[in-house]
């Protein structure tokens, strides 16, 4: 009577139920809770901190490119006066701040004459290439390759100016303003170069008057600007070292302007 009857063809098989494991639900609940809880929280913190770190560094070094193009005609006129004739700028050199999102931010160039912009540097750079090509044409040396060389030469000079300002700021307490600020300050170099080249086109002897004047004005402008950046970013620094470095920036404009202002097809002169 303990024998199981044979299964008849077509007869339904009896359902076999597995014995439930009392520890399975506990381990599954604990494991899923750990993943959803601790690991999930850790992942959110890690990803959140990583994204905040990337965003903070992007805003620190590159800032918002649209900020540098918020200009109008009045700003452009006044800014060119400050860059080309800095000794006539009797107002303060500090930038204007405003509260944005619970922290202080600098106002855009359209509202602050001391704010850097990229509109004037790009326009001045393009004008420099055009005037240099025109000068070569008047001298009978114009060619498409010459324009390409002038473009590369201008970019190289711009990069050298950026490196000069960047190294100077880093040597005085590790100041790291946004990179586009430095690019904008260095790009104002071409505004003075355009005046010098225009003087050479009109009268060749005017170049020898306009070029030293442009170098002097650019040196004054950069000294005033870098001193303001340092006073805003660095609490304490060596004043004697600061004066030497600022003088070095001012005197470095003469060889840089002479090289960029010498419109030729040679690398040096």
C-alpha atoms as a PDB file:
ATOM      1  CA  UNK A   1       0.000   0.000   0.000  1.00  0.00           C
ATOM      2  CA  UNK A   2       3.066   2.224   0.091  1.00  0.00           C
ATOM      3  CA  UNK A   3       3.735   1.809  -3.609  1.00  0.00           C
ATOM      4  CA  UNK A   4       2.921   4.734  -5.832  1.00  0.00           C
ATOM      5  CA  UNK A   5       0.508   3.835  -8.580  1.00  0.00           C
ATOM      6  CA  UNK A   6       1.828   4.018 -12.089  1.00  0.00           C
ATOM      7  CA  UNK A   7       1.027   7.083 -14.041  1.00  0.00           C
ATOM      8  CA  UNK A   8      -1.565   6.403 -16.616  1.00  0.00           C
ATOM      9  CA  UNK A   9      -1.101   7.869 -20.066  1.00  0.00           C
ATOM     10  CA  UNK A  10      -2.809  11.232 -20.237  1.00  0.00           C
ATOM     11  CA  UNK A  11      -3.228  11.491 -16.490  1.00  0.00           C
ATOM     12  CA  UNK A  12      -2.177  14.851 -15.005  1.00  0.00           C
ATOM     13  CA  UNK A  13       1.061  14.922 -13.073  1.00  0.00           C
ATOM     14  CA  UNK A  14       0.788  15.902  -9.447  1.00  0.00           C
ATOM     15  CA  UNK A  15       2.179  19.306  -8.637  1.00  0.00           C
ATOM     16  CA  UNK A  16       5.328  19.206  -6.539  1.00  0.00           C
ATOM     17  CA  UNK A  17       5.903  22.188  -4.296  1.00  0.00           C
ATOM     18  CA  UNK A  18       9.428  23.073  -3.201  1.00  0.00           C
ATOM     19  CA  UNK A  19       9.986  23.762   0.440  1.00  0.00           C
ATOM     20  CA  UNK A  20      10.358  27.532   0.943  1.00  0.00           C
ATOM     21  CA  UNK A  21      13.747  28.761   2.217  1.00  0.00           C
ATOM     22  CA  UNK A  22      13.214  30.972   5.249  1.00  0.00           C
ATOM     23  CA  UNK A  23      16.580  32.712   4.714  1.00  0.00           C
ATOM     24  CA  UNK A  24      16.067  33.526   1.047  1.00  0.00           C
ATOM     25  CA  UNK A  25      13.726  36.464   1.593  1.00  0.00           C
ATOM     26  CA  UNK A  26      15.871  37.804   4.379  1.00  0.00           C
ATOM     27  CA  UNK A  27      19.071  37.712   2.294  1.00  0.00           C
ATOM     28  CA  UNK A  28      17.301  39.153  -0.733  1.00  0.00           C
ATOM     29  CA  UNK A  29      15.739  41.943   1.280  1.00  0.00           C
ATOM     30  CA  UNK A  30      18.999  42.763   2.990  1.00  0.00           C
ATOM     31  CA  UNK A  31      20.966  42.658  -0.269  1.00  0.00           C
ATOM     32  CA  UNK A  32      18.514  44.770  -2.209  1.00  0.00           C
ATOM     33  CA  UNK A  33      18.228  47.179   0.687  1.00  0.00           C
ATOM     34  CA  UNK A  34      22.013  47.491   0.802  1.00  0.00           C
ATOM     35  CA  UNK A  35      22.227  48.142  -2.921  1.00  0.00           C
ATOM     36  CA  UNK A  36      19.391  50.595  -2.969  1.00  0.00           C
ATOM     37  CA  UNK A  37      20.405  52.270   0.242  1.00  0.00           C
ATOM     38  CA  UNK A  38      24.129  52.457   0.925  1.00  0.00           C
ATOM     39  CA  UNK A  39      25.489  51.805  -2.550  1.00  0.00           C
ATOM     40  CA  UNK A  40      22.861  53.990  -4.141  1.00  0.00           C
ATOM     41  CA  UNK A  41      23.621  56.833  -1.763  1.00  0.00           C
ATOM     42  CA  UNK A  42      27.355  56.418  -2.324  1.00  0.00           C
ATOM     43  CA  UNK A  43      26.890  56.411  -6.091  1.00  0.00           C
ATOM     44  CA  UNK A  44      24.751  59.532  -5.975  1.00  0.00           C
ATOM     45  CA  UNK A  45      27.296  61.295  -3.791  1.00  0.00           C
ATOM     46  CA  UNK A  46      30.175  60.206  -6.040  1.00  0.00           C
ATOM     47  CA  UNK A  47      28.477  61.185  -9.276  1.00  0.00           C
ATOM     48  CA  UNK A  48      27.132  64.371  -7.739  1.00  0.00           C
ATOM     49  CA  UNK A  49      30.526  65.430  -6.409  1.00  0.00           C
ATOM     50  CA  UNK A  50      32.173  64.542  -9.720  1.00  0.00           C
ATOM     51  CA  UNK A  51      29.699  66.588 -11.739  1.00  0.00           C
ATOM     52  CA  UNK A  52      30.007  69.512  -9.327  1.00  0.00           C
ATOM     53  CA  UNK A  53      33.809  69.274  -9.546  1.00  0.00           C
ATOM     54  CA  UNK A  54      33.751  69.298 -13.343  1.00  0.00           C
ATOM     55  CA  UNK A  55      31.263  72.182 -13.461  1.00  0.00           C
ATOM     56  CA  UNK A  56      33.210  74.206 -10.912  1.00  0.00           C
ATOM     57  CA  UNK A  57      36.458  73.766 -12.839  1.00  0.00           C
ATOM     58  CA  UNK A  58      34.832  74.604 -16.150  1.00  0.00           C
ATOM     59  CA  UNK A  59      33.329  77.772 -14.696  1.00  0.00           C
ATOM     60  CA  UNK A  60      36.607  78.549 -12.956  1.00  0.00           C
ATOM     61  CA  UNK A  61      38.888  78.227 -15.950  1.00  0.00           C
ATOM     62  CA  UNK A  62      36.601  78.954 -18.887  1.00  0.00           C
ATOM     63  CA  UNK A  63      33.576  80.750 -17.406  1.00  0.00           C
ATOM     64  CA  UNK A  64      30.592  81.400 -19.684  1.00  0.00           C
ATOM     65  CA  UNK A  65      31.638  82.366 -23.254  1.00  0.00           C
ATOM     66  CA  UNK A  66      28.420  84.341 -23.768  1.00  0.00           C
ATOM     67  CA  UNK A  67      29.419  86.624 -20.902  1.00  0.00           C
ATOM     68  CA  UNK A  68      32.303  88.048 -22.943  1.00  0.00           C
ATOM     69  CA  UNK A  69      30.099  89.094 -25.871  1.00  0.00           C
ATOM     70  CA  UNK A  70      27.516  91.130 -23.945  1.00  0.00           C
ATOM     71  CA  UNK A  71      28.646  94.480 -25.345  1.00  0.00           C
ATOM     72  CA  UNK A  72      27.170  97.486 -27.111  1.00  0.00           C
ATOM     73  CA  UNK A  73      28.501 100.438 -29.083  1.00  0.00           C
ATOM     74  CA  UNK A  74      29.000 102.622 -26.031  1.00  0.00           C
ATOM     75  CA  UNK A  75      31.004  99.955 -24.239  1.00  0.00           C
ATOM     76  CA  UNK A  76      33.213  99.369 -27.282  1.00  0.00           C
ATOM     77  CA  UNK A  77      33.998 103.070 -27.621  1.00  0.00           C
ATOM     78  CA  UNK A  78      34.760 103.502 -23.919  1.00  0.00           C
ATOM     79  CA  UNK A  79      36.777 100.299 -23.717  1.00  0.00           C
ATOM     80  CA  UNK A  80      38.942 101.288 -26.665  1.00  0.00           C
ATOM     81  CA  UNK A  81      39.647 104.585 -24.924  1.00  0.00           C
ATOM     82  CA  UNK A  82      40.761 102.709 -21.798  1.00  0.00           C
ATOM     83  CA  UNK A  83      42.949 100.279 -23.766  1.00  0.00           C
ATOM     84  CA  UNK A  84      44.522 102.822 -26.126  1.00  0.00           C
ATOM     85  CA  UNK A  85      44.785 105.707 -23.644  1.00  0.00           C
ATOM     86  CA  UNK A  86      44.871 104.173 -20.144  1.00  0.00           C
ATOM     87  CA  UNK A  87      46.505 107.242 -18.608  1.00  0.00           C
ATOM     88  CA  UNK A  88      43.294 109.177 -19.329  1.00  0.00           C
ATOM     89  CA  UNK A  89      41.140 106.701 -17.374  1.00  0.00           C
ATOM     90  CA  UNK A  90      40.493 108.585 -14.135  1.00  0.00           C
ATOM     91  CA  UNK A  91      37.852 106.214 -12.748  1.00  0.00           C
ATOM     92  CA  UNK A  92      38.538 103.134 -10.630  1.00  0.00           C
ATOM     93  CA  UNK A  93      39.913  99.930 -12.168  1.00  0.00           C
ATOM     94  CA  UNK A  94      37.956  97.490  -9.983  1.00  0.00           C
ATOM     95  CA  UNK A  95      35.177  95.365 -11.440  1.00  0.00           C
ATOM     96  CA  UNK A  96      31.561  95.689 -10.329  1.00  0.00           C
ATOM     97  CA  UNK A  97      29.966  92.717  -8.570  1.00  0.00           C
ATOM     98  CA  UNK A  98      26.339  91.717  -8.066  1.00  0.00           C
ATOM     99  CA  UNK A  99      24.655  88.901  -6.059  1.00  0.00           C
ATOM    100  CA  UNK A 100      23.604  86.004  -8.296  1.00  0.00           C
ATOM    101  CA  UNK A 101      22.322  82.734  -6.844  1.00  0.00           C
ATOM    102  CA  UNK A 102      23.520  83.495  -3.346  1.00  0.00           C
ATOM    103  CA  UNK A 103      27.060  84.491  -4.353  1.00  0.00           C
ATOM    104  CA  UNK A 104      28.815  87.491  -5.837  1.00  0.00           C
ATOM    105  CA  UNK A 105      29.438  87.525  -9.583  1.00  0.00           C
ATOM    106  CA  UNK A 106      30.984  90.089 -11.869  1.00  0.00           C
ATOM    107  CA  UNK A 107      28.648  92.153 -13.999  1.00  0.00           C
ATOM    108  CA  UNK A 108      28.896  91.675 -17.787  1.00  0.00           C
ATOM    109  CA  UNK A 109      30.912  94.098 -19.920  1.00  0.00           C
ATOM    110  CA  UNK A 110      27.861  96.020 -21.069  1.00  0.00           C
ATOM    111  CA  UNK A 111      27.446  97.263 -17.487  1.00  0.00           C
ATOM    112  CA  UNK A 112      31.114  97.445 -16.437  1.00  0.00           C
ATOM    113  CA  UNK A 113      33.845  99.185 -18.410  1.00  0.00           C
ATOM    114  CA  UNK A 114      36.544  97.247 -16.494  1.00  0.00           C
ATOM    115  CA  UNK A 115      35.140  93.813 -17.382  1.00  0.00           C
ATOM    116  CA  UNK A 116      37.033  91.827 -20.045  1.00  0.00           C
ATOM    117  CA  UNK A 117      35.350  90.995 -23.332  1.00  0.00           C
ATOM    118  CA  UNK A 118      36.230  88.944 -26.390  1.00  0.00           C
ATOM    119  CA  UNK A 119      34.422  91.046 -28.984  1.00  0.00           C
ATOM    120  CA  UNK A 120      37.136  93.710 -29.220  1.00  0.00           C
ATOM    121  CA  UNK A 121      40.059  91.214 -29.262  1.00  0.00           C
ATOM    122  CA  UNK A 122      38.519  89.135 -32.061  1.00  0.00           C
ATOM    123  CA  UNK A 123      37.600  92.196 -34.109  1.00  0.00           C
ATOM    124  CA  UNK A 124      41.042  93.717 -33.546  1.00  0.00           C
ATOM    125  CA  UNK A 125      42.748  90.456 -34.501  1.00  0.00           C
ATOM    126  CA  UNK A 126      40.781  90.244 -37.759  1.00  0.00           C
ATOM    127  CA  UNK A 127      41.538  93.898 -38.504  1.00  0.00           C
ATOM    128  CA  UNK A 128      45.229  93.258 -37.824  1.00  0.00           C
ATOM    129  CA  UNK A 129      45.339  90.474 -40.421  1.00  0.00           C
ATOM    130  CA  UNK A 130      43.446  92.604 -42.991  1.00  0.00           C
ATOM    131  CA  UNK A 131      45.649  95.677 -42.483  1.00  0.00           C
ATOM    132  CA  UNK A 132      48.800  93.582 -42.609  1.00  0.00           C
ATOM    133  CA  UNK A 133      47.637  92.013 -45.877  1.00  0.00           C
ATOM    134  CA  UNK A 134      46.841  95.474 -47.256  1.00  0.00           C
ATOM    135  CA  UNK A 135      50.312  96.672 -46.328  1.00  0.00           C
ATOM    136  CA  UNK A 136      51.890  93.703 -48.098  1.00  0.00           C
ATOM    137  CA  UNK A 137      49.739  94.452 -51.130  1.00  0.00           C
ATOM    138  CA  UNK A 138      50.945  98.049 -51.227  1.00  0.00           C
ATOM    139  CA  UNK A 139      54.492  96.741 -51.077  1.00  0.00           C
ATOM    140  CA  UNK A 140      53.842  94.252 -53.903  1.00  0.00           C
ATOM    141  CA  UNK A 141      54.358  91.180 -51.696  1.00  0.00           C
ATOM    142  CA  UNK A 142      50.766  90.036 -51.195  1.00  0.00           C
ATOM    143  CA  UNK A 143      49.849  86.372 -51.629  1.00  0.00           C
ATOM    144  CA  UNK A 144      47.362  83.935 -50.033  1.00  0.00           C
ATOM    145  CA  UNK A 145      50.245  82.206 -48.284  1.00  0.00           C
ATOM    146  CA  UNK A 146      51.292  85.534 -46.787  1.00  0.00           C
ATOM    147  CA  UNK A 147      47.836  86.062 -45.263  1.00  0.00           C
ATOM    148  CA  UNK A 148      47.931  82.552 -43.849  1.00  0.00           C
ATOM    149  CA  UNK A 149      51.344  83.245 -42.340  1.00  0.00           C
ATOM    150  CA  UNK A 150      50.136  86.518 -40.808  1.00  0.00           C
ATOM    151  CA  UNK A 151      47.182  84.683 -39.263  1.00  0.00           C
ATOM    152  CA  UNK A 152      49.462  82.071 -37.700  1.00  0.00           C
ATOM    153  CA  UNK A 153      51.894  84.758 -36.548  1.00  0.00           C
ATOM    154  CA  UNK A 154      49.081  86.689 -34.854  1.00  0.00           C
ATOM    155  CA  UNK A 155      47.808  83.588 -33.072  1.00  0.00           C
ATOM    156  CA  UNK A 156      51.318  82.783 -31.894  1.00  0.00           C
ATOM    157  CA  UNK A 157      51.785  86.311 -30.546  1.00  0.00           C
ATOM    158  CA  UNK A 158      48.414  86.121 -28.805  1.00  0.00           C
ATOM    159  CA  UNK A 159      49.414  82.825 -27.194  1.00  0.00           C
ATOM    160  CA  UNK A 160      52.726  84.274 -26.016  1.00  0.00           C
ATOM    161  CA  UNK A 161      50.903  87.162 -24.362  1.00  0.00           C
ATOM    162  CA  UNK A 162      48.521  84.744 -22.643  1.00  0.00           C
ATOM    163  CA  UNK A 163      51.443  82.667 -21.365  1.00  0.00           C
ATOM    164  CA  UNK A 164      53.196  85.781 -20.074  1.00  0.00           C
ATOM    165  CA  UNK A 165      50.167  86.926 -18.072  1.00  0.00           C
ATOM    166  CA  UNK A 166      49.361  83.417 -16.853  1.00  0.00           C
ATOM    167  CA  UNK A 167      52.891  82.719 -15.594  1.00  0.00           C
ATOM    168  CA  UNK A 168      53.019  86.118 -13.872  1.00  0.00           C
ATOM    169  CA  UNK A 169      49.777  85.496 -11.982  1.00  0.00           C
ATOM    170  CA  UNK A 170      50.787  81.971 -10.989  1.00  0.00           C
ATOM    171  CA  UNK A 171      54.125  83.171  -9.652  1.00  0.00           C
ATOM    172  CA  UNK A 172      52.374  85.605  -7.314  1.00  0.00           C
ATOM    173  CA  UNK A 173      50.427  83.278  -5.060  1.00  0.00           C
ATOM    174  CA  UNK A 174      48.888  80.857  -7.536  1.00  0.00           C
ATOM    175  CA  UNK A 175      46.129  83.146  -8.813  1.00  0.00           C
ATOM    176  CA  UNK A 176      43.967  81.308 -11.335  1.00  0.00           C
ATOM    177  CA  UNK A 177      41.353  83.616 -12.867  1.00  0.00           C
ATOM    178  CA  UNK A 178      39.196  82.262 -15.705  1.00  0.00           C
ATOM    179  CA  UNK A 179      41.267  81.476 -18.765  1.00  0.00           C
ATOM    180  CA  UNK A 180      39.002  83.535 -21.010  1.00  0.00           C
ATOM    181  CA  UNK A 181      39.756  86.599 -18.862  1.00  0.00           C
ATOM    182  CA  UNK A 182      43.459  86.203 -19.631  1.00  0.00           C
ATOM    183  CA  UNK A 183      42.723  85.561 -23.315  1.00  0.00           C
ATOM    184  CA  UNK A 184      40.674  88.771 -23.439  1.00  0.00           C
ATOM    185  CA  UNK A 185      43.335  90.880 -21.718  1.00  0.00           C
ATOM    186  CA  UNK A 186      46.017  89.526 -24.049  1.00  0.00           C
ATOM    187  CA  UNK A 187      43.836  90.084 -27.113  1.00  0.00           C
ATOM    188  CA  UNK A 188      43.654  93.828 -26.523  1.00  0.00           C
ATOM    189  CA  UNK A 189      47.210  93.889 -27.865  1.00  0.00           C
ATOM    190  CA  UNK A 190      45.901  93.965 -31.429  1.00  0.00           C
ATOM    191  CA  UNK A 191      43.977  97.201 -30.877  1.00  0.00           C
ATOM    192  CA  UNK A 192      47.225  99.146 -30.519  1.00  0.00           C
ATOM    193  CA  UNK A 193      48.858  97.178 -33.322  1.00  0.00           C
ATOM    194  CA  UNK A 194      46.083  98.193 -35.697  1.00  0.00           C
ATOM    195  CA  UNK A 195      46.752 101.881 -35.019  1.00  0.00           C
ATOM    196  CA  UNK A 196      50.478 101.420 -35.600  1.00  0.00           C
ATOM    197  CA  UNK A 197      49.943  99.567 -38.900  1.00  0.00           C
ATOM    198  CA  UNK A 198      47.416 102.165 -40.061  1.00  0.00           C
ATOM    199  CA  UNK A 199      49.997 104.860 -39.373  1.00  0.00           C
ATOM    200  CA  UNK A 200      52.527 102.933 -41.457  1.00  0.00           C
ATOM    201  CA  UNK A 201      50.041 102.643 -44.316  1.00  0.00           C
ATOM    202  CA  UNK A 202      49.269 106.378 -44.265  1.00  0.00           C
ATOM    203  CA  UNK A 203      52.835 107.558 -43.713  1.00  0.00           C
ATOM    204  CA  UNK A 204      55.737 105.215 -43.132  1.00  0.00           C
ATOM    205  CA  UNK A 205      57.390 107.503 -40.596  1.00  0.00           C
ATOM    206  CA  UNK A 206      54.276 107.529 -38.413  1.00  0.00           C
ATOM    207  CA  UNK A 207      54.941 103.882 -37.583  1.00  0.00           C
ATOM    208  CA  UNK A 208      58.005 104.800 -35.543  1.00  0.00           C
ATOM    209  CA  UNK A 209      55.862 107.147 -33.447  1.00  0.00           C
ATOM    210  CA  UNK A 210      52.723 105.044 -33.152  1.00  0.00           C
ATOM    211  CA  UNK A 211      54.447 101.765 -32.297  1.00  0.00           C
ATOM    212  CA  UNK A 212      56.310 102.945 -29.139  1.00  0.00           C
ATOM    213  CA  UNK A 213      53.174 104.800 -28.033  1.00  0.00           C
ATOM    214  CA  UNK A 214      51.061 101.650 -28.489  1.00  0.00           C
ATOM    215  CA  UNK A 215      53.604  99.597 -26.525  1.00  0.00           C
ATOM    216  CA  UNK A 216      53.635 102.108 -23.684  1.00  0.00           C
ATOM    217  CA  UNK A 217      49.841 102.313 -23.471  1.00  0.00           C
ATOM    218  CA  UNK A 218      49.427  98.541 -23.569  1.00  0.00           C
ATOM    219  CA  UNK A 219      52.030  98.158 -20.838  1.00  0.00           C
ATOM    220  CA  UNK A 220      50.199 100.647 -18.613  1.00  0.00           C
ATOM    221  CA  UNK A 221      46.880  98.951 -19.252  1.00  0.00           C
ATOM    222  CA  UNK A 222      48.218  95.480 -18.392  1.00  0.00           C
ATOM    223  CA  UNK A 223      49.996  96.731 -15.268  1.00  0.00           C
ATOM    224  CA  UNK A 224      46.814  98.374 -13.983  1.00  0.00           C
ATOM    225  CA  UNK A 225      44.729  95.316 -14.857  1.00  0.00           C
ATOM    226  CA  UNK A 226      47.061  92.701 -13.367  1.00  0.00           C
ATOM    227  CA  UNK A 227      47.443  94.748 -10.194  1.00  0.00           C
ATOM    228  CA  UNK A 228      43.656  94.854  -9.840  1.00  0.00           C
ATOM    229  CA  UNK A 229      43.348  91.091 -10.439  1.00  0.00           C
ATOM    230  CA  UNK A 230      45.978  90.381  -7.795  1.00  0.00           C
ATOM    231  CA  UNK A 231      44.407  92.681  -5.225  1.00  0.00           C
ATOM    232  CA  UNK A 232      41.050  90.954  -5.734  1.00  0.00           C
ATOM    233  CA  UNK A 233      42.329  87.353  -5.678  1.00  0.00           C
ATOM    234  CA  UNK A 234      45.360  87.317  -3.367  1.00  0.00           C
ATOM    235  CA  UNK A 235      45.267  88.304   0.275  1.00  0.00           C
ATOM    236  CA  UNK A 236      49.000  88.849   0.687  1.00  0.00           C
ATOM    237  CA  UNK A 237      51.943  88.910  -1.705  1.00  0.00           C
ATOM    238  CA  UNK A 238      55.475  90.226  -1.917  1.00  0.00           C
ATOM    239  CA  UNK A 239      55.133  93.839  -3.032  1.00  0.00           C
ATOM    240  CA  UNK A 240      58.727  94.128  -4.267  1.00  0.00           C
ATOM    241  CA  UNK A 241      58.355  90.974  -6.335  1.00  0.00           C
ATOM    242  CA  UNK A 242      55.065  92.276  -7.668  1.00  0.00           C
ATOM    243  CA  UNK A 243      56.670  95.503  -8.873  1.00  0.00           C
ATOM    244  CA  UNK A 244      59.432  93.643 -10.706  1.00  0.00           C
ATOM    245  CA  UNK A 245      56.984  91.311 -12.430  1.00  0.00           C
ATOM    246  CA  UNK A 246      54.697  94.149 -13.449  1.00  0.00           C
ATOM    247  CA  UNK A 247      57.657  96.022 -14.895  1.00  0.00           C
ATOM    248  CA  UNK A 248      58.636  92.868 -16.754  1.00  0.00           C
ATOM    249  CA  UNK A 249      55.141  92.685 -18.281  1.00  0.00           C
ATOM    250  CA  UNK A 250      55.354  96.312 -19.351  1.00  0.00           C
ATOM    251  CA  UNK A 251      58.803  96.008 -20.946  1.00  0.00           C
ATOM    252  CA  UNK A 252      57.899  92.703 -22.606  1.00  0.00           C
ATOM    253  CA  UNK A 253      55.372  94.556 -24.768  1.00  0.00           C
ATOM    254  CA  UNK A 254      58.134  96.259 -26.763  1.00  0.00           C
ATOM    255  CA  UNK A 255      59.696  93.124 -28.325  1.00  0.00           C
ATOM    256  CA  UNK A 256      56.255  91.525 -28.764  1.00  0.00           C
ATOM    257  CA  UNK A 257      54.816  94.591 -30.520  1.00  0.00           C
ATOM    258  CA  UNK A 258      57.951  94.959 -32.635  1.00  0.00           C
ATOM    259  CA  UNK A 259      57.693  91.357 -33.795  1.00  0.00           C
ATOM    260  CA  UNK A 260      53.965  91.476 -34.551  1.00  0.00           C
ATOM    261  CA  UNK A 261      54.175  94.953 -36.077  1.00  0.00           C
ATOM    262  CA  UNK A 262      56.956  93.994 -38.469  1.00  0.00           C
ATOM    263  CA  UNK A 263      54.839  92.822 -41.409  1.00  0.00           C
ATOM    264  CA  UNK A 264      57.087  90.451 -43.266  1.00  0.00           C
ATOM    265  CA  UNK A 265      57.216  86.814 -44.349  1.00  0.00           C
ATOM    266  CA  UNK A 266      60.037  85.883 -41.972  1.00  0.00           C
ATOM    267  CA  UNK A 267      59.685  84.260 -38.579  1.00  0.00           C
ATOM    268  CA  UNK A 268      61.790  86.823 -36.751  1.00  0.00           C
ATOM    269  CA  UNK A 269      62.173  90.067 -38.711  1.00  0.00           C
END
